[in-house]
Amino acid sequence: MITISESARLKITELLLEENNPNLKLRTFVQGGGCSGFQYGFTFDEEKAEDDWELPIGNFQILVDSMSMTYLENAEIDYKDDISGSQ
């Protein structure tokens, strides 16, 4: 199961409202990063693929492909906005 911090939930909700598209879902994924290890990514997507997990989080859905789910199991999505920037 993937969890999400309250700050991430608020930021995602804000971004989805800006997009003004009720069909958008948050897609999170893992990519091979070579020497630096894995890289984690986020995008908005309207389409659920056949191998996607769809996780309801608050008032939106998170999509995770089956390969990425292997690496994201028990992960937490967080959002921080501080002197170092937003991430």
C-alpha atoms as a PDB file:
ATOM      1  CA  MET A   1       0.000   0.000   0.000  1.00  0.00           C
ATOM      2  CA  ILE A   2       1.217   3.504  -0.817  1.00  0.00           C
ATOM      3  CA  THR A   3       0.516   6.285   1.672  1.00  0.00           C
ATOM      4  CA  ILE A   4       0.502  10.005   1.085  1.00  0.00           C
ATOM      5  CA  SER A   5       1.348  12.834   3.468  1.00  0.00           C
ATOM      6  CA  GLU A   6      -1.148  15.594   4.141  1.00  0.00           C
ATOM      7  CA  SER A   7       1.108  18.182   2.452  1.00  0.00           C
ATOM      8  CA  ALA A   8       1.314  16.027  -0.694  1.00  0.00           C
ATOM      9  CA  ARG A   9      -2.450  15.451  -0.663  1.00  0.00           C
ATOM     10  CA  LEU A  10      -3.070  19.210  -0.493  1.00  0.00           C
ATOM     11  CA  LYS A  11      -0.575  20.014  -3.278  1.00  0.00           C
ATOM     12  CA  ILE A  12      -1.934  17.317  -5.603  1.00  0.00           C
ATOM     13  CA  THR A  13      -5.496  18.503  -4.980  1.00  0.00           C
ATOM     14  CA  GLU A  14      -4.403  22.087  -5.761  1.00  0.00           C
ATOM     15  CA  LEU A  15      -2.717  21.014  -9.027  1.00  0.00           C
ATOM     16  CA  LEU A  16      -5.712  18.927 -10.096  1.00  0.00           C
ATOM     17  CA  LEU A  17      -8.058  21.873  -9.482  1.00  0.00           C
ATOM     18  CA  GLU A  18      -5.801  24.080 -11.637  1.00  0.00           C
ATOM     19  CA  GLU A  19      -6.001  21.540 -14.470  1.00  0.00           C
ATOM     20  CA  ASN A  20      -9.818  21.600 -14.274  1.00  0.00           C
ATOM     21  CA  ASN A  21     -10.125  18.060 -15.680  1.00  0.00           C
ATOM     22  CA  PRO A  22     -12.080  15.619 -13.473  1.00  0.00           C
ATOM     23  CA  ASN A  23     -10.672  12.627 -15.418  1.00  0.00           C
ATOM     24  CA  LEU A  24      -7.052  13.234 -14.380  1.00  0.00           C
ATOM     25  CA  LYS A  25      -5.310  10.855 -12.011  1.00  0.00           C
ATOM     26  CA  LEU A  26      -1.838  11.082 -10.481  1.00  0.00           C
ATOM     27  CA  ARG A  27       0.539   8.576 -12.066  1.00  0.00           C
ATOM     28  CA  THR A  28       3.637   7.709 -10.067  1.00  0.00           C
ATOM     29  CA  PHE A  29       6.396   5.522 -11.468  1.00  0.00           C
ATOM     30  CA  VAL A  30       9.949   4.277 -11.064  1.00  0.00           C
ATOM     31  CA  GLN A  31      12.596   4.479 -13.782  1.00  0.00           C
ATOM     32  CA  GLY A  32      16.053   2.975 -13.864  1.00  0.00           C
ATOM     33  CA  GLY A  33      18.567   5.720 -13.214  1.00  0.00           C
ATOM     34  CA  GLY A  34      21.844   4.015 -14.109  1.00  0.00           C
ATOM     35  CA  CYS A  35      24.657   4.685 -11.640  1.00  0.00           C
ATOM     36  CA  SER A  36      22.498   6.955  -9.509  1.00  0.00           C
ATOM     37  CA  GLY A  37      19.876   4.283  -8.862  1.00  0.00           C
ATOM     38  CA  PHE A  38      16.154   4.624  -9.345  1.00  0.00           C
ATOM     39  CA  GLN A  39      14.385   7.829 -10.196  1.00  0.00           C
ATOM     40  CA  TYR A  40      10.812   8.449  -9.136  1.00  0.00           C
ATOM     41  CA  GLY A  41       8.412  10.355 -11.324  1.00  0.00           C
ATOM     42  CA  PHE A  42       4.944  11.862 -11.233  1.00  0.00           C
ATOM     43  CA  THR A  43       2.616  12.976 -13.986  1.00  0.00           C
ATOM     44  CA  PHE A  44      -1.117  13.380 -14.543  1.00  0.00           C
ATOM     45  CA  ASP A  45      -2.870  10.823 -16.715  1.00  0.00           C
ATOM     46  CA  GLU A  46      -6.443  10.255 -17.873  1.00  0.00           C
ATOM     47  CA  GLU A  47      -5.923   6.669 -19.007  1.00  0.00           C
ATOM     48  CA  LYS A  48      -5.635   3.621 -16.772  1.00  0.00           C
ATOM     49  CA  ALA A  49      -3.505   0.924 -18.425  1.00  0.00           C
ATOM     50  CA  GLU A  50      -4.398  -2.740 -18.165  1.00  0.00           C
ATOM     51  CA  ASP A  51      -1.597  -3.495 -15.672  1.00  0.00           C
ATOM     52  CA  ASP A  52      -2.107  -0.378 -13.512  1.00  0.00           C
ATOM     53  CA  TRP A  53      -3.004  -0.415  -9.881  1.00  0.00           C
ATOM     54  CA  GLU A  54      -5.577   2.269  -9.105  1.00  0.00           C
ATOM     55  CA  LEU A  55      -5.463   3.530  -5.533  1.00  0.00           C
ATOM     56  CA  PRO A  56      -8.081   5.918  -4.148  1.00  0.00           C
ATOM     57  CA  ILE A  57      -6.475   8.632  -2.025  1.00  0.00           C
ATOM     58  CA  GLY A  58      -8.856  11.249  -0.682  1.00  0.00           C
ATOM     59  CA  ASN A  59     -10.672  12.881  -3.584  1.00  0.00           C
ATOM     60  CA  PHE A  60      -8.342  11.615  -6.342  1.00  0.00           C
ATOM     61  CA  GLN A  61      -6.838   8.395  -7.714  1.00  0.00           C
ATOM     62  CA  ILE A  62      -3.200   7.306  -7.975  1.00  0.00           C
ATOM     63  CA  LEU A  63      -2.126   5.082 -10.873  1.00  0.00           C
ATOM     64  CA  VAL A  64       0.922   2.825 -10.535  1.00  0.00           C
ATOM     65  CA  ASP A  65       2.072   0.366 -13.198  1.00  0.00           C
ATOM     66  CA  SER A  66       2.736  -3.170 -11.968  1.00  0.00           C
ATOM     67  CA  MET A  67       6.544  -2.959 -12.368  1.00  0.00           C
ATOM     68  CA  SER A  68       6.742   0.277 -10.369  1.00  0.00           C
ATOM     69  CA  MET A  69       4.415  -1.095  -7.690  1.00  0.00           C
ATOM     70  CA  THR A  70       7.084  -3.663  -6.830  1.00  0.00           C
ATOM     71  CA  TYR A  71       9.406  -0.819  -5.806  1.00  0.00           C
ATOM     72  CA  LEU A  72       6.788   1.518  -4.349  1.00  0.00           C
ATOM     73  CA  GLU A  73       5.165  -1.002  -2.006  1.00  0.00           C
ATOM     74  CA  ASN A  74       4.917   0.629   1.465  1.00  0.00           C
ATOM     75  CA  ALA A  75       6.272   3.961   0.155  1.00  0.00           C
ATOM     76  CA  GLU A  76       5.025   7.373   1.213  1.00  0.00           C
ATOM     77  CA  ILE A  77       4.512  10.252  -1.212  1.00  0.00           C
ATOM     78  CA  ASP A  78       5.457  13.540   0.404  1.00  0.00           C
ATOM     79  CA  TYR A  79       5.672  17.193  -0.658  1.00  0.00           C
ATOM     80  CA  LYS A  80       7.991  19.793   0.828  1.00  0.00           C
ATOM     81  CA  ASP A  81       8.344  23.480   0.034  1.00  0.00           C
ATOM     82  CA  ASP A  82      11.259  25.053   1.890  1.00  0.00           C
ATOM     83  CA  ILE A  83      14.415  27.073   1.377  1.00  0.00           C
ATOM     84  CA  SER A  84      15.829  24.285  -0.847  1.00  0.00           C
ATOM     85  CA  GLY A  85      12.814  24.526  -3.163  1.00  0.00           C
ATOM     86  CA  SER A  86       9.717  22.450  -3.660  1.00  0.00           C
ATOM     87  CA  GLN A  87       9.869  18.714  -4.116  1.00  0.00           C
END
